[in-house]
Amino acid sequence: MSEPTERRLLTPDEYEEAQASPEFMELKRRFRAFAFPMTVAFLAWYLAYVLLSTYASDFMSTTVFGNVNVGLLLGLAQFVTTFVITHVYVAHANKRTDPIADEMRDRLEHHEYAHRHHAGGESEGATRA
């Protein structure tokens, strides 16, 4: 059995430096560019469904076929929309955000975000009383 490799814990300065990096700023930008519009779109779609079911009951009770009406189809579409958004987000993350996050994780694990002037020693504030 091989000996486990010793891992040095990351310092608060390393996390702060990673957070201030251009890569992290780009990661946040890409995530927000997807998440905020998608959230607004889904909430608007959900609100439209609620408003239609409350104020347009004649429309929502319109029979499409058999015992299936517009309200039932739009209600089921809410579930379908959730799965579609999940699929689209996973594809977006795989292509646009995960590569940056993976690179940043590797850099953190190799302590590449450590301050150059703190190299070899502990950073200030890491062992506060």
N, C-alpha and C. Protein backbone atom coordinates (compact mmCIF):
# COMPACT_ATOMS: atom_id res chain seq x y z
N MET A 1 0.85 -1.17 0.00
CA MET A 1 0.00 0.00 0.00
C MET A 1 0.90 1.24 0.00
N SER A 2 0.53 2.22 -0.80
CA SER A 2 1.34 3.44 -0.86
C SER A 2 0.88 4.43 0.20
N GLU A 3 1.82 5.27 0.62
CA GLU A 3 1.53 6.29 1.62
C GLU A 3 0.68 7.39 0.98
N PRO A 4 -0.31 7.91 1.71
CA PRO A 4 -1.10 9.03 1.15
C PRO A 4 -0.22 10.26 1.01
N THR A 5 -0.47 11.01 -0.05
CA THR A 5 0.30 12.23 -0.24
C THR A 5 -0.22 13.31 0.70
N GLU A 6 0.68 14.09 1.21
CA GLU A 6 0.31 15.15 2.14
C GLU A 6 -0.22 16.35 1.35
N ARG A 7 -1.34 16.87 1.80
CA ARG A 7 -1.94 18.02 1.13
C ARG A 7 -1.88 19.21 2.06
N ARG A 8 -1.41 20.32 1.54
CA ARG A 8 -1.38 21.55 2.31
C ARG A 8 -2.71 22.26 2.12
N LEU A 9 -3.30 22.72 3.21
CA LEU A 9 -4.57 23.43 3.12
C LEU A 9 -4.36 24.79 2.46
N LEU A 10 -5.38 25.22 1.75
CA LEU A 10 -5.32 26.54 1.12
C LEU A 10 -5.50 27.62 2.17
N THR A 11 -4.84 28.72 1.95
CA THR A 11 -4.94 29.85 2.87
C THR A 11 -6.07 30.78 2.42
N PRO A 12 -6.56 31.62 3.32
CA PRO A 12 -7.56 32.60 2.91
C PRO A 12 -7.04 33.51 1.79
N ASP A 13 -5.75 33.84 1.82
CA ASP A 13 -5.18 34.69 0.77
C ASP A 13 -5.26 34.02 -0.60
N GLU A 14 -5.05 32.71 -0.62
CA GLU A 14 -5.13 31.99 -1.90
C GLU A 14 -6.55 32.02 -2.45
N TYR A 15 -7.53 31.83 -1.57
CA TYR A 15 -8.92 31.92 -2.01
C TYR A 15 -9.25 33.32 -2.52
N GLU A 16 -8.79 34.34 -1.80
CA GLU A 16 -9.05 35.72 -2.20
C GLU A 16 -8.39 36.03 -3.53
N GLU A 17 -7.16 35.55 -3.72
CA GLU A 17 -6.47 35.79 -4.98
C GLU A 17 -7.18 35.08 -6.14
N ALA A 18 -7.64 33.88 -5.90
CA ALA A 18 -8.39 33.15 -6.93
C ALA A 18 -9.69 33.89 -7.25
N GLN A 19 -10.34 34.39 -6.21
CA GLN A 19 -11.60 35.11 -6.42
C GLN A 19 -11.39 36.41 -7.18
N ALA A 20 -10.24 37.04 -7.04
CA ALA A 20 -9.95 38.30 -7.73
C ALA A 20 -9.35 38.07 -9.12
N SER A 21 -9.14 36.82 -9.51
CA SER A 21 -8.49 36.53 -10.78
C SER A 21 -9.41 36.81 -11.97
N PRO A 22 -8.83 37.10 -13.12
CA PRO A 22 -9.63 37.30 -14.33
C PRO A 22 -10.44 36.05 -14.70
N GLU A 23 -9.90 34.87 -14.41
CA GLU A 23 -10.63 33.64 -14.73
C GLU A 23 -11.92 33.55 -13.93
N PHE A 24 -11.84 33.90 -12.64
CA PHE A 24 -13.04 33.84 -11.81
C PHE A 24 -14.07 34.88 -12.24
N MET A 25 -13.59 36.06 -12.60
CA MET A 25 -14.50 37.11 -13.09
C MET A 25 -15.23 36.63 -14.36
N GLU A 26 -14.49 35.96 -15.25
CA GLU A 26 -15.10 35.43 -16.47
C GLU A 26 -16.07 34.31 -16.15
N LEU A 27 -15.73 33.47 -15.19
CA LEU A 27 -16.61 32.39 -14.77
C LEU A 27 -17.93 32.95 -14.24
N LYS A 28 -17.85 33.96 -13.39
CA LYS A 28 -19.06 34.60 -12.86
C LYS A 28 -19.87 35.24 -13.98
N ARG A 29 -19.20 35.91 -14.91
CA ARG A 29 -19.90 36.57 -16.01
C ARG A 29 -20.66 35.55 -16.86
N ARG A 30 -20.01 34.45 -17.19
CA ARG A 30 -20.65 33.42 -18.02
C ARG A 30 -21.82 32.77 -17.30
N PHE A 31 -21.66 32.51 -16.00
CA PHE A 31 -22.75 31.91 -15.24
C PHE A 31 -23.94 32.87 -15.16
N ARG A 32 -23.66 34.11 -14.82
CA ARG A 32 -24.75 35.08 -14.69
C ARG A 32 -25.43 35.37 -16.01
N ALA A 33 -24.66 35.37 -17.10
CA ALA A 33 -25.24 35.62 -18.42
C ALA A 33 -26.24 34.53 -18.80
N PHE A 34 -26.07 33.35 -18.25
CA PHE A 34 -27.03 32.28 -18.49
C PHE A 34 -28.13 32.26 -17.43
N ALA A 35 -27.73 32.29 -16.17
CA ALA A 35 -28.66 32.05 -15.07
C ALA A 35 -29.72 33.13 -14.92
N PHE A 36 -29.33 34.39 -14.98
CA PHE A 36 -30.31 35.45 -14.75
C PHE A 36 -31.38 35.50 -15.85
N PRO A 37 -31.02 35.54 -17.13
CA PRO A 37 -32.09 35.55 -18.15
C PRO A 37 -32.96 34.29 -18.11
N MET A 38 -32.35 33.14 -17.87
CA MET A 38 -33.13 31.90 -17.83
C MET A 38 -34.08 31.91 -16.64
N THR A 39 -33.63 32.41 -15.51
CA THR A 39 -34.49 32.49 -14.33
C THR A 39 -35.66 33.43 -14.57
N VAL A 40 -35.37 34.59 -15.14
CA VAL A 40 -36.44 35.56 -15.44
C VAL A 40 -37.43 34.96 -16.43
N ALA A 41 -36.93 34.30 -17.46
CA ALA A 41 -37.82 33.70 -18.46
C ALA A 41 -38.71 32.63 -17.84
N PHE A 42 -38.13 31.77 -17.00
CA PHE A 42 -38.95 30.72 -16.39
C PHE A 42 -39.96 31.30 -15.43
N LEU A 43 -39.57 32.27 -14.62
CA LEU A 43 -40.52 32.88 -13.68
C LEU A 43 -41.65 33.59 -14.43
N ALA A 44 -41.32 34.24 -15.54
CA ALA A 44 -42.37 34.89 -16.35
C ALA A 44 -43.33 33.85 -16.92
N TRP A 45 -42.79 32.74 -17.38
CA TRP A 45 -43.61 31.65 -17.92
C TRP A 45 -44.50 31.06 -16.82
N TYR A 46 -43.95 30.87 -15.63
CA TYR A 46 -44.73 30.35 -14.52
C TYR A 46 -45.82 31.34 -14.10
N LEU A 47 -45.45 32.62 -14.01
CA LEU A 47 -46.43 33.65 -13.65
C LEU A 47 -47.55 33.72 -14.69
N ALA A 48 -47.20 33.61 -15.96
CA ALA A 48 -48.23 33.62 -17.01
C ALA A 48 -49.19 32.45 -16.82
N TYR A 49 -48.66 31.29 -16.48
CA TYR A 49 -49.51 30.11 -16.23
C TYR A 49 -50.46 30.36 -15.06
N VAL A 50 -49.92 30.90 -13.97
CA VAL A 50 -50.74 31.17 -12.79
C VAL A 50 -51.82 32.22 -13.12
N LEU A 51 -51.41 33.28 -13.81
CA LEU A 51 -52.38 34.32 -14.16
C LEU A 51 -53.45 33.80 -15.11
N LEU A 52 -53.04 33.00 -16.09
CA LEU A 52 -54.04 32.41 -17.00
C LEU A 52 -55.00 31.51 -16.25
N SER A 53 -54.49 30.70 -15.33
CA SER A 53 -55.38 29.80 -14.60
C SER A 53 -56.31 30.56 -13.66
N THR A 54 -55.88 31.75 -13.23
CA THR A 54 -56.71 32.53 -12.33
C THR A 54 -57.72 33.40 -13.07
N TYR A 55 -57.27 34.07 -14.13
CA TYR A 55 -58.11 35.08 -14.79
C TYR A 55 -58.63 34.67 -16.16
N ALA A 56 -58.16 33.58 -16.71
CA ALA A 56 -58.64 33.15 -18.03
C ALA A 56 -59.12 31.70 -17.95
N SER A 57 -60.01 31.45 -17.02
CA SER A 57 -60.46 30.07 -16.81
C SER A 57 -61.19 29.51 -18.02
N ASP A 58 -61.88 30.37 -18.76
CA ASP A 58 -62.55 29.88 -19.97
C ASP A 58 -61.53 29.37 -20.99
N PHE A 59 -60.46 30.13 -21.17
CA PHE A 59 -59.40 29.71 -22.09
C PHE A 59 -58.73 28.43 -21.59
N MET A 60 -58.40 28.39 -20.31
CA MET A 60 -57.69 27.24 -19.75
C MET A 60 -58.56 25.97 -19.77
N SER A 61 -59.87 26.14 -19.71
CA SER A 61 -60.76 24.97 -19.73
C SER A 61 -61.16 24.55 -21.14
N THR A 62 -60.59 25.20 -22.15
CA THR A 62 -60.88 24.83 -23.54
C THR A 62 -60.39 23.40 -23.79
N THR A 63 -61.29 22.56 -24.27
CA THR A 63 -60.95 21.17 -24.54
C THR A 63 -60.07 21.08 -25.78
N VAL A 64 -58.99 20.34 -25.66
CA VAL A 64 -58.10 20.11 -26.80
C VAL A 64 -58.47 18.78 -27.46
N PHE A 65 -58.56 17.73 -26.66
CA PHE A 65 -59.05 16.43 -27.11
C PHE A 65 -59.46 15.62 -25.89
N GLY A 66 -60.50 14.84 -26.01
CA GLY A 66 -60.99 14.03 -24.90
C GLY A 66 -61.22 14.86 -23.65
N ASN A 67 -60.64 14.43 -22.54
CA ASN A 67 -60.74 15.18 -21.28
C ASN A 67 -59.54 16.09 -21.05
N VAL A 68 -58.73 16.29 -22.06
CA VAL A 68 -57.52 17.11 -21.93
C VAL A 68 -57.83 18.53 -22.37
N ASN A 69 -57.53 19.49 -21.47
CA ASN A 69 -57.78 20.89 -21.82
C ASN A 69 -56.46 21.67 -21.87
N VAL A 70 -56.55 22.94 -22.25
CA VAL A 70 -55.37 23.79 -22.39
C VAL A 70 -54.63 23.91 -21.06
N GLY A 71 -55.36 24.07 -19.96
CA GLY A 71 -54.73 24.21 -18.64
C GLY A 71 -53.87 23.01 -18.29
N LEU A 72 -54.39 21.81 -18.56
CA LEU A 72 -53.63 20.60 -18.28
C LEU A 72 -52.35 20.56 -19.13
N LEU A 73 -52.47 20.88 -20.41
CA LEU A 73 -51.29 20.87 -21.28
C LEU A 73 -50.26 21.91 -20.85
N LEU A 74 -50.72 23.10 -20.48
CA LEU A 74 -49.76 24.12 -20.02
C LEU A 74 -49.14 23.73 -18.68
N GLY A 75 -49.91 23.07 -17.82
CA GLY A 75 -49.36 22.59 -16.55
C GLY A 75 -48.29 21.53 -16.78
N LEU A 76 -48.53 20.61 -17.68
CA LEU A 76 -47.53 19.60 -18.01
C LEU A 76 -46.31 20.24 -18.67
N ALA A 77 -46.56 21.29 -19.43
CA ALA A 77 -45.45 22.00 -20.09
C ALA A 77 -44.52 22.64 -19.05
N GLN A 78 -45.03 22.96 -17.87
CA GLN A 78 -44.18 23.48 -16.81
C GLN A 78 -43.11 22.44 -16.43
N PHE A 79 -43.51 21.18 -16.33
CA PHE A 79 -42.55 20.12 -16.02
C PHE A 79 -41.55 19.93 -17.16
N VAL A 80 -42.07 19.91 -18.38
CA VAL A 80 -41.20 19.75 -19.54
C VAL A 80 -40.18 20.89 -19.59
N THR A 81 -40.64 22.10 -19.33
CA THR A 81 -39.76 23.27 -19.34
C THR A 81 -38.64 23.11 -18.31
N THR A 82 -38.97 22.59 -17.15
CA THR A 82 -37.95 22.39 -16.11
C THR A 82 -36.87 21.44 -16.59
N PHE A 83 -37.26 20.33 -17.23
CA PHE A 83 -36.28 19.37 -17.74
C PHE A 83 -35.47 19.96 -18.89
N VAL A 84 -36.11 20.74 -19.74
CA VAL A 84 -35.39 21.37 -20.85
C VAL A 84 -34.36 22.36 -20.32
N ILE A 85 -34.75 23.18 -19.35
CA ILE A 85 -33.81 24.15 -18.77
C ILE A 85 -32.64 23.42 -18.13
N THR A 86 -32.91 22.32 -17.43
CA THR A 86 -31.83 21.54 -16.82
C THR A 86 -30.87 21.03 -17.89
N HIS A 87 -31.41 20.48 -18.96
CA HIS A 87 -30.57 19.97 -20.04
C HIS A 87 -29.75 21.10 -20.68
N VAL A 88 -30.37 22.23 -20.93
CA VAL A 88 -29.67 23.36 -21.54
C VAL A 88 -28.58 23.88 -20.60
N TYR A 89 -28.87 23.92 -19.29
CA TYR A 89 -27.86 24.38 -18.33
C TYR A 89 -26.67 23.43 -18.29
N VAL A 90 -26.92 22.14 -18.28
CA VAL A 90 -25.82 21.17 -18.24
C VAL A 90 -24.94 21.33 -19.49
N ALA A 91 -25.57 21.49 -20.64
CA ALA A 91 -24.79 21.69 -21.87
C ALA A 91 -23.99 22.99 -21.80
N HIS A 92 -24.63 24.04 -21.29
CA HIS A 92 -23.94 25.33 -21.14
C HIS A 92 -22.76 25.19 -20.18
N ALA A 93 -22.98 24.55 -19.04
CA ALA A 93 -21.91 24.40 -18.05
C ALA A 93 -20.76 23.57 -18.62
N ASN A 94 -21.08 22.47 -19.27
CA ASN A 94 -20.03 21.63 -19.85
C ASN A 94 -19.17 22.38 -20.85
N LYS A 95 -19.79 23.26 -21.60
CA LYS A 95 -19.07 23.96 -22.67
C LYS A 95 -18.45 25.28 -22.22
N ARG A 96 -19.14 26.04 -21.37
CA ARG A 96 -18.74 27.42 -21.11
C ARG A 96 -18.18 27.69 -19.72
N THR A 97 -18.60 26.96 -18.70
CA THR A 97 -18.12 27.28 -17.34
C THR A 97 -17.24 26.20 -16.72
N ASP A 98 -17.56 24.94 -16.95
CA ASP A 98 -16.77 23.87 -16.33
C ASP A 98 -15.29 23.89 -16.71
N PRO A 99 -14.93 24.17 -17.98
CA PRO A 99 -13.49 24.21 -18.29
C PRO A 99 -12.74 25.26 -17.45
N ILE A 100 -13.35 26.42 -17.23
CA ILE A 100 -12.71 27.45 -16.41
C ILE A 100 -12.64 27.00 -14.96
N ALA A 101 -13.74 26.44 -14.46
CA ALA A 101 -13.76 25.97 -13.07
C ALA A 101 -12.75 24.85 -12.85
N ASP A 102 -12.63 23.94 -13.81
CA ASP A 102 -11.65 22.85 -13.69
C ASP A 102 -10.23 23.40 -13.66
N GLU A 103 -9.96 24.36 -14.52
CA GLU A 103 -8.63 24.97 -14.55
C GLU A 103 -8.33 25.68 -13.24
N MET A 104 -9.30 26.41 -12.73
CA MET A 104 -9.10 27.12 -11.46
C MET A 104 -8.88 26.13 -10.31
N ARG A 105 -9.64 25.03 -10.29
CA ARG A 105 -9.46 24.03 -9.23
C ARG A 105 -8.06 23.45 -9.29
N ASP A 106 -7.58 23.15 -10.50
CA ASP A 106 -6.22 22.62 -10.64
C ASP A 106 -5.19 23.63 -10.14
N ARG A 107 -5.39 24.88 -10.48
CA ARG A 107 -4.45 25.92 -10.03
C ARG A 107 -4.50 26.07 -8.51
N LEU A 108 -5.69 25.98 -7.92
CA LEU A 108 -5.79 26.05 -6.46
C LEU A 108 -5.10 24.85 -5.81
N GLU A 109 -5.32 23.67 -6.36
CA GLU A 109 -4.71 22.47 -5.79
C GLU A 109 -3.18 22.53 -5.87
N HIS A 110 -2.66 23.22 -6.87
CA HIS A 110 -1.21 23.37 -7.00
C HIS A 110 -0.69 24.66 -6.36
N HIS A 111 -1.57 25.35 -5.65
CA HIS A 111 -1.23 26.57 -4.91
C HIS A 111 -0.64 27.65 -5.82
N GLU A 112 -1.15 27.73 -7.03
CA GLU A 112 -0.67 28.73 -7.98
C GLU A 112 -1.24 30.12 -7.70
N TYR A 113 -2.24 30.20 -6.81
CA TYR A 113 -2.80 31.51 -6.47
C TYR A 113 -2.14 32.11 -5.23
N ALA A 114 -1.15 31.42 -4.68
CA ALA A 114 -0.47 31.95 -3.50
C ALA A 114 0.24 33.24 -3.88
N HIS A 115 0.18 34.22 -2.98
CA HIS A 115 0.88 35.48 -3.21
C HIS A 115 2.35 35.22 -3.44
N ARG A 116 2.91 35.91 -4.39
CA ARG A 116 4.34 35.73 -4.68
C ARG A 116 5.19 36.15 -3.49
N HIS A 117 4.77 37.20 -2.76
CA HIS A 117 5.57 37.65 -1.63
C HIS A 117 5.36 36.78 -0.38
N HIS A 118 4.38 35.86 -0.42
CA HIS A 118 4.17 34.95 0.70
C HIS A 118 4.66 33.55 0.37
N ALA A 119 5.28 33.37 -0.78
CA ALA A 119 5.72 32.04 -1.19
C ALA A 119 6.64 31.44 -0.15
N GLY A 120 6.37 30.20 0.20
CA GLY A 120 7.21 29.49 1.16
C GLY A 120 6.81 29.70 2.60
N GLY A 121 5.96 30.64 2.89
CA GLY A 121 5.57 30.88 4.29
C GLY A 121 4.08 30.95 4.40
N GLU A 122 3.62 31.07 5.62
CA GLU A 122 2.19 31.19 5.84
C GLU A 122 1.78 32.62 5.60
N SER A 123 0.57 32.77 5.13
CA SER A 123 0.07 34.12 4.89
C SER A 123 -0.42 34.74 6.18
N GLU A 124 -0.48 36.05 6.17
CA GLU A 124 -0.99 36.76 7.34
C GLU A 124 -2.46 36.45 7.49
N GLY A 125 -2.89 36.32 8.72
CA GLY A 125 -4.30 36.11 8.98
C GLY A 125 -4.72 34.65 8.93
N ALA A 126 -3.86 33.75 8.48
CA ALA A 126 -4.24 32.36 8.38
C ALA A 126 -4.30 31.70 9.77
N THR A 127 -3.61 32.26 10.76
CA THR A 127 -3.59 31.67 12.09
C THR A 127 -3.98 32.70 13.14
N ARG A 128 -5.07 33.40 12.88
CA ARG A 128 -5.55 34.41 13.85
C ARG A 128 -6.03 33.76 15.11
N ALA A 129 -5.86 34.48 16.22
CA ALA A 129 -6.34 33.97 17.50
C ALA A 129 -7.77 34.37 17.71
